[in-house]
Amino acid sequence: KANGGMNGAVRVFQMVMDIFRRFKMDITLDQFKELQLVLLRLGFQDAAELFVDQFIRERPEKISRKDLQVEMPSTKELTVGIPSYRFQLMYAGHLMVRDVDSAFDDRVSGFYPDKWQRDLLDVVDKKESALVVAPTSSGKTFVSYYAMKQALFDNKTIKRSTDRSVIVYVSPTKALVNQVAADVYARYGAVFWCNDLR
């Protein structure tokens, strides 16, 4: 903040939120209080109160607000000076977690898939069919790569070509087709047939 930027505050805020989201069921009360203190030092009393409510609601053991009470920090030099909701919208919007029931899934590495993605992974695992239509950057390609991987693995053991799985990937632009084809080739080798239906 001293240099006029909010990068440090954004990083700290992101770290606190990530730790809480990922480990809220495992952290101790004292560890939670430390996270709460970081928010208070940034001046985010509103976020700290929401934090406490969510912690109490989601933990299986009975916890009261009194159990989580912390002293307000006496120093103000780290205070951002705006409410947490405004801070998130102005400086950390790209880090906001969408409320789409993201959760751990051992079939995925690097991120927590949304509920609809986990449902689609289940469809693929059951060898059922699905048509996926969703907005740009919502995670469709990730699911299609998973389906491709499963189909290629299964197809290795199937002798008759008519019994093999087929993945149809439709794209609105030739550029995206080329990008996806390059990604598939990089991941799995020359294992696909591509047809330009213009």
C-alpha atoms as a PDB file:
ATOM      1  CA  LYS A   1       0.000   0.000   0.000  1.00  0.00           C
ATOM      2  CA  ALA A   2       2.911   2.330   0.701  1.00  0.00           C
ATOM      3  CA  ASN A   3       3.809   2.369  -2.996  1.00  0.00           C
ATOM      4  CA  GLY A   4       0.193   2.961  -4.006  1.00  0.00           C
ATOM      5  CA  GLY A   5      -0.447  -0.656  -5.011  1.00  0.00           C
ATOM      6  CA  MET A   6      -2.551  -3.388  -3.509  1.00  0.00           C
ATOM      7  CA  ASN A   7      -0.574  -6.407  -4.759  1.00  0.00           C
ATOM      8  CA  GLY A   8       0.669  -7.375  -1.303  1.00  0.00           C
ATOM      9  CA  ALA A   9      -2.795  -7.123   0.223  1.00  0.00           C
ATOM     10  CA  VAL A  10      -4.270  -9.127  -2.674  1.00  0.00           C
ATOM     11  CA  ARG A  11      -1.711 -11.903  -2.171  1.00  0.00           C
ATOM     12  CA  VAL A  12      -2.250 -12.050   1.575  1.00  0.00           C
ATOM     13  CA  PHE A  13      -6.031 -12.009   1.164  1.00  0.00           C
ATOM     14  CA  GLN A  14      -5.848 -14.776  -1.449  1.00  0.00           C
ATOM     15  CA  MET A  15      -3.608 -16.890   0.773  1.00  0.00           C
ATOM     16  CA  VAL A  16      -5.950 -16.578   3.767  1.00  0.00           C
ATOM     17  CA  MET A  17      -8.985 -17.472   1.646  1.00  0.00           C
ATOM     18  CA  ASP A  18      -7.212 -20.437   0.016  1.00  0.00           C
ATOM     19  CA  ILE A  19      -6.039 -21.830   3.359  1.00  0.00           C
ATOM     20  CA  PHE A  20      -9.515 -21.496   4.803  1.00  0.00           C
ATOM     21  CA  ARG A  21     -11.280 -22.990   1.787  1.00  0.00           C
ATOM     22  CA  ARG A  22      -8.946 -25.958   1.540  1.00  0.00           C
ATOM     23  CA  PHE A  23      -8.297 -26.731   5.195  1.00  0.00           C
ATOM     24  CA  LYS A  24     -11.266 -25.387   7.183  1.00  0.00           C
ATOM     25  CA  MET A  25     -12.199 -28.892   8.303  1.00  0.00           C
ATOM     26  CA  ASP A  26      -8.654 -29.638   9.529  1.00  0.00           C
ATOM     27  CA  ILE A  27      -7.300 -26.445  11.078  1.00  0.00           C
ATOM     28  CA  THR A  28      -7.318 -25.925  14.834  1.00  0.00           C
ATOM     29  CA  LEU A  29      -9.203 -23.107  16.529  1.00  0.00           C
ATOM     30  CA  ASP A  30      -5.916 -21.291  17.155  1.00  0.00           C
ATOM     31  CA  GLN A  31      -4.954 -21.585  13.475  1.00  0.00           C
ATOM     32  CA  PHE A  32      -8.365 -20.234  12.507  1.00  0.00           C
ATOM     33  CA  LYS A  33      -7.895 -17.307  14.877  1.00  0.00           C
ATOM     34  CA  GLU A  34      -4.591 -16.474  13.163  1.00  0.00           C
ATOM     35  CA  LEU A  35      -6.344 -16.353   9.787  1.00  0.00           C
ATOM     36  CA  GLN A  36      -9.056 -14.181  11.302  1.00  0.00           C
ATOM     37  CA  LEU A  37      -6.397 -11.814  12.704  1.00  0.00           C
ATOM     38  CA  VAL A  38      -4.856 -11.386   9.266  1.00  0.00           C
ATOM     39  CA  LEU A  39      -8.213 -10.236   7.908  1.00  0.00           C
ATOM     40  CA  LEU A  40      -8.629  -7.847  10.831  1.00  0.00           C
ATOM     41  CA  ARG A  41      -5.128  -6.425  10.282  1.00  0.00           C
ATOM     42  CA  LEU A  42      -6.129  -5.677   6.689  1.00  0.00           C
ATOM     43  CA  GLY A  43      -9.178  -3.858   8.086  1.00  0.00           C
ATOM     44  CA  PHE A  44     -11.674  -6.455   6.870  1.00  0.00           C
ATOM     45  CA  GLN A  45     -13.848  -6.796   9.952  1.00  0.00           C
ATOM     46  CA  ASP A  46     -16.832  -7.581   7.697  1.00  0.00           C
ATOM     47  CA  ALA A  47     -15.000 -10.507   6.092  1.00  0.00           C
ATOM     48  CA  ALA A  48     -13.716 -11.732   9.466  1.00  0.00           C
ATOM     49  CA  GLU A  49     -17.300 -11.895  10.788  1.00  0.00           C
ATOM     50  CA  LEU A  50     -18.488 -13.846   7.729  1.00  0.00           C
ATOM     51  CA  PHE A  51     -15.449 -16.087   8.166  1.00  0.00           C
ATOM     52  CA  VAL A  52     -16.480 -16.893  11.750  1.00  0.00           C
ATOM     53  CA  ASP A  53     -20.075 -17.630  10.715  1.00  0.00           C
ATOM     54  CA  GLN A  54     -18.973 -20.001   7.973  1.00  0.00           C
ATOM     55  CA  PHE A  55     -16.456 -21.759  10.239  1.00  0.00           C
ATOM     56  CA  ILE A  56     -19.090 -22.350  12.934  1.00  0.00           C
ATOM     57  CA  ARG A  57     -21.654 -23.536  10.369  1.00  0.00           C
ATOM     58  CA  GLU A  58     -19.373 -25.994   8.552  1.00  0.00           C
ATOM     59  CA  ARG A  59     -17.393 -27.560  11.354  1.00  0.00           C
ATOM     60  CA  PRO A  60     -18.870 -30.776  12.791  1.00  0.00           C
ATOM     61  CA  GLU A  61     -18.016 -29.959  16.411  1.00  0.00           C
ATOM     62  CA  LYS A  62     -19.988 -27.394  18.392  1.00  0.00           C
ATOM     63  CA  ILE A  63     -18.159 -24.062  18.299  1.00  0.00           C
ATOM     64  CA  SER A  64     -19.422 -20.739  19.633  1.00  0.00           C
ATOM     65  CA  ARG A  65     -18.480 -17.220  18.593  1.00  0.00           C
ATOM     66  CA  LYS A  66     -16.861 -16.836  22.007  1.00  0.00           C
ATOM     67  CA  ASP A  67     -14.480 -19.731  21.212  1.00  0.00           C
ATOM     68  CA  LEU A  68     -13.256 -17.749  18.193  1.00  0.00           C
ATOM     69  CA  GLN A  69     -13.058 -14.315  19.757  1.00  0.00           C
ATOM     70  CA  VAL A  70      -9.808 -12.441  19.090  1.00  0.00           C
ATOM     71  CA  GLU A  71      -8.475  -9.066  20.179  1.00  0.00           C
ATOM     72  CA  MET A  72      -8.761  -6.355  17.551  1.00  0.00           C
ATOM     73  CA  PRO A  73      -5.253  -5.484  16.337  1.00  0.00           C
ATOM     74  CA  SER A  74      -4.028  -2.175  17.731  1.00  0.00           C
ATOM     75  CA  THR A  75      -1.927  -1.309  14.676  1.00  0.00           C
ATOM     76  CA  LYS A  76      -3.589   0.206  11.618  1.00  0.00           C
ATOM     77  CA  GLU A  77      -0.640   0.410   9.200  1.00  0.00           C
ATOM     78  CA  LEU A  78      -1.737  -2.663   7.228  1.00  0.00           C
ATOM     79  CA  THR A  79      -5.355  -1.543   6.941  1.00  0.00           C
ATOM     80  CA  VAL A  80      -6.458  -1.290   3.322  1.00  0.00           C
ATOM     81  CA  GLY A  81      -9.044   1.401   4.034  1.00  0.00           C
ATOM     82  CA  ILE A  82     -12.043  -0.042   2.190  1.00  0.00           C
ATOM     83  CA  PRO A  83     -14.500  -2.844   3.015  1.00  0.00           C
ATOM     84  CA  SER A  84     -13.553  -6.343   1.900  1.00  0.00           C
ATOM     85  CA  TYR A  85     -16.324  -6.587  -0.700  1.00  0.00           C
ATOM     86  CA  ARG A  86     -15.110  -3.405  -2.411  1.00  0.00           C
ATOM     87  CA  PHE A  87     -11.484  -4.573  -2.178  1.00  0.00           C
ATOM     88  CA  GLN A  88     -12.405  -7.886  -3.838  1.00  0.00           C
ATOM     89  CA  LEU A  89     -14.310  -6.186  -6.640  1.00  0.00           C
ATOM     90  CA  MET A  90     -11.640  -3.561  -7.285  1.00  0.00           C
ATOM     91  CA  TYR A  91      -8.440  -5.576  -6.838  1.00  0.00           C
ATOM     92  CA  ALA A  92      -9.141  -9.289  -6.437  1.00  0.00           C
ATOM     93  CA  GLY A  93     -12.108 -10.030  -8.688  1.00  0.00           C
ATOM     94  CA  HIS A  94     -10.059 -12.514 -10.694  1.00  0.00           C
ATOM     95  CA  LEU A  95      -9.498 -14.502  -7.492  1.00  0.00           C
ATOM     96  CA  MET A  96     -13.112 -14.687  -6.354  1.00  0.00           C
ATOM     97  CA  VAL A  97     -14.332 -18.224  -5.914  1.00  0.00           C
ATOM     98  CA  ARG A  98     -17.511 -19.010  -7.797  1.00  0.00           C
ATOM     99  CA  ASP A  99     -20.123 -20.752  -5.694  1.00  0.00           C
ATOM    100  CA  VAL A 100     -20.585 -23.796  -7.901  1.00  0.00           C
ATOM    101  CA  ASP A 101     -19.918 -26.494  -5.322  1.00  0.00           C
ATOM    102  CA  SER A 102     -16.242 -26.957  -6.191  1.00  0.00           C
ATOM    103  CA  ALA A 103     -14.744 -29.868  -4.276  1.00  0.00           C
ATOM    104  CA  PHE A 104     -11.794 -32.242  -4.227  1.00  0.00           C
ATOM    105  CA  ASP A 105     -11.918 -35.158  -6.657  1.00  0.00           C
ATOM    106  CA  ASP A 106      -9.075 -37.672  -6.909  1.00  0.00           C
ATOM    107  CA  ARG A 107      -9.549 -37.874 -10.691  1.00  0.00           C
ATOM    108  CA  VAL A 108      -8.418 -34.248 -11.002  1.00  0.00           C
ATOM    109  CA  SER A 109      -5.140 -32.557 -10.146  1.00  0.00           C
ATOM    110  CA  GLY A 110      -4.378 -28.867  -9.903  1.00  0.00           C
ATOM    111  CA  PHE A 111      -7.862 -27.576  -9.068  1.00  0.00           C
ATOM    112  CA  TYR A 112     -11.193 -28.440  -7.492  1.00  0.00           C
ATOM    113  CA  PRO A 113     -13.756 -29.316 -10.171  1.00  0.00           C
ATOM    114  CA  ASP A 114     -17.278 -27.901 -10.050  1.00  0.00           C
ATOM    115  CA  LYS A 115     -20.249 -30.159  -9.292  1.00  0.00           C
ATOM    116  CA  TRP A 116     -21.316 -30.301 -12.935  1.00  0.00           C
ATOM    117  CA  GLN A 117     -17.771 -31.340 -13.929  1.00  0.00           C
ATOM    118  CA  ARG A 118     -17.718 -34.127 -11.319  1.00  0.00           C
ATOM    119  CA  ASP A 119     -21.124 -35.267 -12.574  1.00  0.00           C
ATOM    120  CA  LEU A 120     -19.705 -35.439 -16.100  1.00  0.00           C
ATOM    121  CA  LEU A 121     -16.659 -37.372 -14.899  1.00  0.00           C
ATOM    122  CA  ASP A 122     -19.101 -39.878 -13.399  1.00  0.00           C
ATOM    123  CA  VAL A 123     -20.902 -40.109 -16.767  1.00  0.00           C
ATOM    124  CA  VAL A 124     -17.568 -40.826 -18.479  1.00  0.00           C
ATOM    125  CA  ASP A 125     -16.611 -43.430 -15.858  1.00  0.00           C
ATOM    126  CA  LYS A 126     -19.965 -45.184 -16.390  1.00  0.00           C
ATOM    127  CA  LYS A 127     -19.310 -45.136 -20.164  1.00  0.00           C
ATOM    128  CA  GLU A 128     -22.496 -43.186 -20.773  1.00  0.00           C
ATOM    129  CA  SER A 129     -23.044 -40.375 -23.280  1.00  0.00           C
ATOM    130  CA  ALA A 130     -23.346 -36.655 -22.660  1.00  0.00           C
ATOM    131  CA  LEU A 131     -23.710 -33.452 -24.615  1.00  0.00           C
ATOM    132  CA  VAL A 132     -21.907 -30.556 -22.937  1.00  0.00           C
ATOM    133  CA  VAL A 133     -22.941 -27.003 -23.730  1.00  0.00           C
ATOM    134  CA  ALA A 134     -21.522 -24.289 -21.484  1.00  0.00           C
ATOM    135  CA  PRO A 135     -20.019 -20.780 -21.725  1.00  0.00           C
ATOM    136  CA  THR A 136     -16.454 -20.117 -22.777  1.00  0.00           C
ATOM    137  CA  SER A 137     -13.859 -20.826 -20.052  1.00  0.00           C
ATOM    138  CA  SER A 138     -16.263 -22.851 -17.921  1.00  0.00           C
ATOM    139  CA  GLY A 139     -14.262 -26.093 -18.030  1.00  0.00           C
ATOM    140  CA  LYS A 140     -15.692 -28.084 -20.927  1.00  0.00           C
ATOM    141  CA  THR A 141     -12.337 -28.898 -22.501  1.00  0.00           C
ATOM    142  CA  PHE A 142     -10.984 -30.357 -19.255  1.00  0.00           C
ATOM    143  CA  VAL A 143     -13.880 -32.818 -19.145  1.00  0.00           C
ATOM    144  CA  SER A 144     -13.438 -33.695 -22.823  1.00  0.00           C
ATOM    145  CA  TYR A 145      -9.733 -34.465 -22.235  1.00  0.00           C
ATOM    146  CA  TYR A 146     -10.729 -36.770 -19.387  1.00  0.00           C
ATOM    147  CA  ALA A 147     -13.209 -38.513 -21.706  1.00  0.00           C
ATOM    148  CA  MET A 148     -10.549 -38.797 -24.420  1.00  0.00           C
ATOM    149  CA  LYS A 149      -8.077 -40.318 -21.980  1.00  0.00           C
ATOM    150  CA  GLN A 150     -10.640 -42.859 -20.749  1.00  0.00           C
ATOM    151  CA  ALA A 151     -11.749 -43.753 -24.300  1.00  0.00           C
ATOM    152  CA  LEU A 152      -8.166 -44.199 -25.492  1.00  0.00           C
ATOM    153  CA  PHE A 153      -7.350 -46.374 -22.491  1.00  0.00           C
ATOM    154  CA  ASP A 154     -10.472 -48.505 -23.014  1.00  0.00           C
ATOM    155  CA  ASN A 155      -9.969 -48.746 -26.785  1.00  0.00           C
ATOM    156  CA  LYS A 156      -6.566 -50.412 -26.305  1.00  0.00           C
ATOM    157  CA  THR A 157      -8.302 -53.579 -25.111  1.00  0.00           C
ATOM    158  CA  ILE A 158     -11.151 -53.631 -27.673  1.00  0.00           C
ATOM    159  CA  LYS A 159     -10.468 -55.632 -30.839  1.00  0.00           C
ATOM    160  CA  ARG A 160     -13.445 -54.685 -33.029  1.00  0.00           C
ATOM    161  CA  SER A 161     -13.343 -51.096 -34.224  1.00  0.00           C
ATOM    162  CA  THR A 162     -17.147 -50.870 -34.147  1.00  0.00           C
ATOM    163  CA  ASP A 163     -17.082 -51.471 -30.377  1.00  0.00           C
ATOM    164  CA  ARG A 164     -14.586 -48.725 -29.615  1.00  0.00           C
ATOM    165  CA  SER A 165     -15.493 -45.472 -27.911  1.00  0.00           C
ATOM    166  CA  VAL A 166     -15.711 -42.296 -29.957  1.00  0.00           C
ATOM    167  CA  ILE A 167     -15.359 -38.741 -28.688  1.00  0.00           C
ATOM    168  CA  VAL A 168     -16.856 -35.979 -30.824  1.00  0.00           C
ATOM    169  CA  TYR A 169     -15.380 -32.576 -30.051  1.00  0.00           C
ATOM    170  CA  VAL A 170     -17.089 -29.677 -31.838  1.00  0.00           C
ATOM    171  CA  SER A 171     -15.561 -26.237 -31.873  1.00  0.00           C
ATOM    172  CA  PRO A 172     -16.846 -22.918 -33.253  1.00  0.00           C
ATOM    173  CA  THR A 173     -13.570 -21.869 -34.875  1.00  0.00           C
ATOM    174  CA  LYS A 174     -10.796 -23.481 -36.887  1.00  0.00           C
ATOM    175  CA  ALA A 175      -8.234 -21.838 -34.583  1.00  0.00           C
ATOM    176  CA  LEU A 176      -9.725 -23.564 -31.537  1.00  0.00           C
ATOM    177  CA  VAL A 177      -9.892 -26.862 -33.409  1.00  0.00           C
ATOM    178  CA  ASN A 178      -6.177 -26.543 -34.191  1.00  0.00           C
ATOM    179  CA  GLN A 179      -5.376 -25.654 -30.563  1.00  0.00           C
ATOM    180  CA  VAL A 180      -7.315 -28.610 -29.181  1.00  0.00           C
ATOM    181  CA  ALA A 181      -5.863 -30.944 -31.819  1.00  0.00           C
ATOM    182  CA  ALA A 182      -2.349 -29.824 -30.843  1.00  0.00           C
ATOM    183  CA  ASP A 183      -3.143 -30.365 -27.139  1.00  0.00           C
ATOM    184  CA  VAL A 184      -4.551 -33.842 -27.828  1.00  0.00           C
ATOM    185  CA  TYR A 185      -1.540 -34.726 -29.966  1.00  0.00           C
ATOM    186  CA  ALA A 186       0.828 -33.493 -27.224  1.00  0.00           C
ATOM    187  CA  ARG A 187      -0.991 -35.502 -24.553  1.00  0.00           C
ATOM    188  CA  TYR A 188      -1.799 -38.721 -26.416  1.00  0.00           C
ATOM    189  CA  GLY A 189       0.093 -38.785 -29.731  1.00  0.00           C
ATOM    190  CA  ALA A 190      -1.462 -39.127 -33.192  1.00  0.00           C
ATOM    191  CA  VAL A 191      -4.580 -40.931 -32.009  1.00  0.00           C
ATOM    192  CA  PHE A 192      -7.390 -38.911 -33.509  1.00  0.00           C
ATOM    193  CA  TRP A 193      -9.224 -38.401 -36.722  1.00  0.00           C
ATOM    194  CA  CYS A 194     -10.148 -34.843 -37.556  1.00  0.00           C
ATOM    195  CA  ASN A 195     -12.591 -33.648 -40.181  1.00  0.00           C
ATOM    196  CA  ASP A 196     -13.238 -30.068 -41.186  1.00  0.00           C
ATOM    197  CA  LEU A 197     -16.968 -29.922 -41.964  1.00  0.00           C
ATOM    198  CA  ARG A 198     -17.115 -26.506 -43.649  1.00  0.00           C
END
